[in-house]
Protein backbone atom coordinates (compact mmCIF):
# COMPACT_ATOMS: atom_id res chain seq x y z
CA MET A 1 8.67 10.44 -19.51
CA GLN A 2 6.19 13.14 -20.17
CA MET A 3 2.88 12.23 -18.37
CA GLY A 4 -0.61 13.32 -19.80
CA SER A 5 -2.85 15.79 -18.08
CA GLY A 6 -5.56 13.55 -17.24
CA VAL A 7 -6.24 10.77 -14.96
CA ASP A 8 -4.39 8.35 -17.17
CA GLY A 9 -1.28 10.06 -16.62
CA GLU A 10 -1.57 9.89 -12.91
CA LEU A 11 -2.35 6.26 -13.20
CA VAL A 12 0.70 5.55 -15.24
CA GLY A 13 3.17 6.88 -12.36
CA ALA A 14 1.20 5.24 -9.63
CA GLN A 15 1.37 2.23 -11.58
CA LEU A 16 5.36 2.22 -11.90
CA LEU A 17 5.82 3.09 -8.31
CA ARG A 18 3.78 0.02 -7.34
CA THR A 19 6.31 -2.12 -8.64
CA VAL A 20 9.07 -0.66 -6.26
CA PRO A 21 8.15 -2.74 -2.96
CA ASP A 22 8.47 -6.19 -4.87
CA ARG A 23 11.45 -5.26 -6.99
CA GLN A 24 9.53 -5.92 -10.18
CA TRP A 25 10.06 -4.26 -13.55
CA LEU A 26 13.35 -2.33 -13.85
CA PHE A 27 13.73 -2.24 -9.94
CA LYS A 28 14.86 -6.00 -10.09
CA PHE A 29 18.23 -4.23 -10.99
CA GLY A 30 18.32 -1.82 -8.34
CA ARG A 31 17.16 1.63 -7.15
CA MET A 32 16.49 2.92 -11.05
CA PRO A 33 15.63 6.54 -10.85
CA MET A 34 12.40 7.87 -12.65
CA ASN A 35 12.25 11.19 -14.10
CA PHE A 36 8.87 12.49 -15.27
CA ILE A 37 7.38 16.07 -16.87
CA LEU A 38 4.05 15.85 -15.27
CA PRO A 39 1.34 18.76 -14.56
CA ASP A 40 1.71 20.89 -11.55
CA ARG A 41 -1.31 19.96 -10.26
CA MET A 42 -0.63 16.11 -10.51
CA TRP A 43 2.98 16.82 -8.94
CA GLU A 44 0.98 18.46 -5.83
CA ARG A 45 -0.88 15.49 -5.47
CA PHE A 46 2.25 13.22 -5.45
CA LYS A 47 4.00 15.52 -2.89
CA ALA A 48 1.24 16.56 -0.56
CA PRO A 49 2.15 16.20 2.93
CA GLU A 50 -0.42 15.09 5.70
CA ALA A 51 -3.24 17.54 5.89
CA VAL A 52 -1.81 19.81 8.77
CA THR A 53 -2.05 22.68 6.56
CA LYS A 54 -3.93 23.91 3.54
CA LEU A 55 -1.11 22.54 1.37
CA GLY A 56 -2.10 18.95 2.77
CA GLN A 57 -5.58 19.30 1.07
CA ALA A 58 -4.23 17.69 -2.06
CA ARG A 59 -3.10 14.56 -0.12
CA CYS A 60 -4.66 11.45 -1.57
CA LYS A 61 -3.81 7.69 -1.92
CA VAL A 62 -1.41 8.50 -4.74
CA SER A 63 0.55 10.86 -2.27
CA VAL A 64 0.69 8.11 0.39
CA MET A 65 1.84 5.15 -1.75
CA ALA A 66 4.32 7.35 -3.75
CA GLN A 67 5.86 8.60 -0.86
CA ALA A 68 6.08 5.07 1.07
CA VAL A 69 8.43 3.86 -1.68
CA ALA A 70 10.26 6.72 -2.94
CA HIS A 71 11.94 10.03 -2.47
CA LEU A 72 10.52 12.75 -4.25
CA SER A 73 12.29 15.92 -5.71
CA GLN A 74 12.00 18.62 -8.24
CA THR A 75 15.10 17.97 -10.68
CA VAL A 76 14.77 21.27 -12.52
CA PRO A 77 13.65 24.38 -11.31
CA TYR A 78 10.13 25.37 -11.73
CA ASP A 79 10.61 28.43 -13.58
CA ALA A 80 12.89 26.87 -16.00
CA LEU A 81 10.11 25.33 -17.68
CA GLN A 82 7.55 28.29 -17.76
CA PRO A 83 5.56 29.44 -19.88
CA TYR A 84 4.37 26.06 -21.55
CA GLY A 85 4.51 27.62 -24.89
CA GLU A 86 7.92 28.20 -25.10
CA HIS A 87 9.19 24.71 -24.07
CA PHE A 88 6.46 22.13 -25.05
CA HIS A 89 4.36 21.17 -28.06
CA PRO A 90 1.73 21.23 -29.16
CA GLU A 91 1.39 24.99 -28.37
CA ARG A 92 -1.59 25.73 -26.26
CA TYR A 93 -3.80 28.80 -25.07
CA ASN A 94 -1.75 29.02 -21.83
CA THR A 95 1.52 30.41 -23.39
CA PHE A 96 1.92 33.91 -21.91
CA GLU A 97 0.68 34.14 -18.61
CA GLU A 98 0.58 31.21 -15.80
CA LYS A 99 -2.84 30.30 -14.69
CA THR A 100 -3.04 29.70 -10.90
CA PHE A 101 -6.77 28.27 -10.69
CA ASN A 102 -7.11 24.77 -10.02
CA LEU A 103 -9.48 24.02 -13.08
CA GLU A 104 -6.72 25.66 -15.21
CA LYS A 105 -4.03 23.18 -13.84
CA ARG A 106 -6.11 20.30 -15.32
CA ARG A 107 -5.93 21.48 -19.04
CA ALA A 108 -3.55 20.95 -21.49
CA GLY A 109 -0.87 24.11 -21.48
CA SER A 110 -0.95 24.22 -17.78
CA PRO A 111 2.21 24.58 -15.90
CA ARG A 112 4.92 21.45 -15.97
CA VAL A 113 7.37 20.27 -13.28
CA ALA A 114 9.89 17.94 -13.47
CA GLY A 115 9.88 15.55 -11.07
CA GLY A 116 12.36 12.68 -9.84
CA PHE A 117 11.58 9.73 -8.17
CA LEU A 118 14.23 7.82 -6.28
CA PRO A 119 13.47 4.37 -5.08
CA MET A 120 14.18 4.14 -1.13
CA ALA A 121 16.89 1.81 -0.21
CA GLN A 122 14.17 0.17 2.19
CA PRO A 123 10.59 1.23 1.11
CA VAL A 124 7.86 1.38 4.00
CA ILE A 125 5.95 -0.69 1.89
CA LEU A 126 7.63 -4.30 2.57
CA PRO A 127 7.73 -7.18 -0.07
CA GLY A 128 4.40 -8.80 -0.15
CA ASP A 129 2.77 -5.92 1.79
CA LEU A 130 1.43 -3.82 -1.30
CA ASP A 131 -2.34 -5.32 -1.40
CA TYR A 132 -2.68 -4.69 2.19
CA TRP A 133 -1.55 -1.06 1.89
CA ASP A 134 -3.53 -0.61 -1.28
CA TYR A 135 -6.78 -1.90 0.60
CA VAL A 136 -6.31 0.02 3.77
CA VAL A 137 -5.22 3.30 2.15
CA ARG A 138 -8.16 3.19 -0.12
CA LYS A 139 -10.63 2.31 2.47
CA LEU A 140 -9.70 4.96 4.91
CA PHE A 141 -9.36 7.74 2.41
CA VAL A 142 -12.93 7.39 1.85
CA VAL A 143 -13.60 8.48 5.19
CA LYS A 144 -10.41 10.70 5.57
CA ALA A 145 -11.75 13.63 7.67
CA THR A 146 -13.35 11.06 10.40
CA PRO A 147 -11.10 10.31 13.24
CA LEU A 148 -9.30 6.69 13.08
CA GLU A 149 -11.60 5.87 16.19
CA ARG A 150 -14.50 5.84 14.35
CA SER A 151 -13.33 5.47 10.68
CA ILE A 152 -11.61 2.30 11.39
CA SER A 153 -14.73 0.24 10.89
CA ALA A 154 -14.41 1.07 7.12
CA LEU A 155 -11.61 -1.65 7.17
CA GLY A 156 -14.43 -4.34 7.70
CA PRO A 157 -16.88 -5.78 10.09
CA GLY A 158 -15.27 -5.88 13.59
CA ALA A 159 -12.22 -3.74 12.62
CA TYR A 160 -12.41 -2.17 15.95
CA ASN A 161 -10.63 -5.08 17.26
CA MET A 162 -7.61 -4.53 15.46
CA MET A 163 -7.05 -1.49 17.87
CA LYS A 164 -5.30 -3.63 20.19
CA TYR A 165 -2.54 -4.35 17.76
CA LEU A 166 -1.84 -0.34 17.03
CA THR A 167 1.12 1.27 18.66
CA ASN A 168 2.51 4.66 18.64
CA PRO A 169 5.14 4.72 15.40
CA GLU A 170 7.35 7.29 17.51
CA ASP A 171 7.13 5.46 20.69
CA PRO A 172 5.94 1.70 20.64
CA SER A 173 5.43 1.92 24.42
CA LYS A 174 2.53 4.49 24.10
CA PRO A 175 -0.92 3.81 22.29
CA PHE A 176 -1.58 5.06 18.96
CA ASP A 177 -3.47 8.57 18.56
CA VAL A 178 -6.75 7.48 17.49
CA THR A 179 -8.08 10.71 17.22
CA LYS A 180 -6.10 11.60 14.12
CA SER A 181 -8.03 11.47 10.89
CA PRO A 182 -6.54 9.61 7.97
CA ARG A 183 -5.92 12.63 5.74
CA SER A 184 -3.06 13.84 8.85
CA PHE A 185 -1.44 10.45 9.03
CA THR A 186 2.27 10.64 8.28
CA ILE A 187 3.73 7.81 6.32
CA GLN A 188 4.90 5.89 9.65
CA ASP A 189 0.99 6.40 10.91
CA TRP A 190 -0.03 4.63 8.05
CA ASN A 191 2.64 1.89 8.28
CA ALA A 192 1.65 1.22 11.79
CA VAL A 193 -2.24 0.89 10.66
CA VAL A 194 -1.48 -1.22 8.10
CA GLN A 195 0.92 -3.70 10.30
CA ALA A 196 -1.98 -3.64 12.71
CA PHE A 197 -4.36 -4.60 10.04
CA ILE A 198 -1.96 -7.63 9.07
CA LYS A 199 -1.94 -8.77 12.27
CA TRP A 200 -5.86 -8.87 12.87
CA PRO A 201 -6.66 -12.44 12.45
CA PHE A 202 -10.16 -11.55 11.30
CA ARG A 203 -9.19 -9.20 8.36
CA PRO A 204 -11.11 -9.54 5.02
CA THR A 205 -9.51 -11.93 2.51
CA ASP A 206 -10.71 -10.14 -0.66
CA LEU A 207 -8.84 -6.93 -0.78
CA GLY A 208 -9.15 -5.95 -4.52
CA ILE A 209 -11.54 -3.56 -6.20
CA GLU A 210 -12.70 -6.54 -8.47
CA GLN A 211 -13.76 -8.53 -5.86
CA MET A 212 -16.15 -6.04 -4.35
CA PHE A 213 -17.87 -5.31 -8.04
CA SER A 214 -18.01 -8.96 -8.60
CA LYS A 215 -19.95 -9.69 -5.39
CA LYS A 216 -22.49 -7.06 -6.23
CA MET A 217 -23.21 -8.43 -9.58
């Protein structure tokens, strides 16, 4: 499948991956691999690691949700798909020279990558937990540069009380490092925060975006 260069293309990939945890769509038959041809910039967002390096600056909700349910890899060498004009139609302005500016990567004719998404045998997002992950990751990425000890309030009134349910994913006998900011969380860190949110008895019950807008109206 070839993804579009805009937001719609990224949304398609994200929506397909959301069906993995609860084994919906094709995944009710097993670990069906998916292969996409997608813009280089979009691939960077899917693959972005935690922000301990400059590369991690691209990390976002899409990165976390994808890496929590699938193994990501390039299925074709990058150079095999360059330049754009020799491999894809319609031919665009960027056919002879690869552009490296961030804005150029958003346009039609920008470099493409062949990315493979293989669902995990045991996704980190457990069946039935997708809405919790969606809410927690979405809320905390709004304050992604703020340490958890201060940004946790974004999860709801009194969210500081869920700290007692947080444990270190590497050593449960130790406390969670609340000085870490959401953009530097590993997938296991995110899982620890989500599980603490699930255990919190006073967590918000309206987790979707549509409820938030309907209340404002």
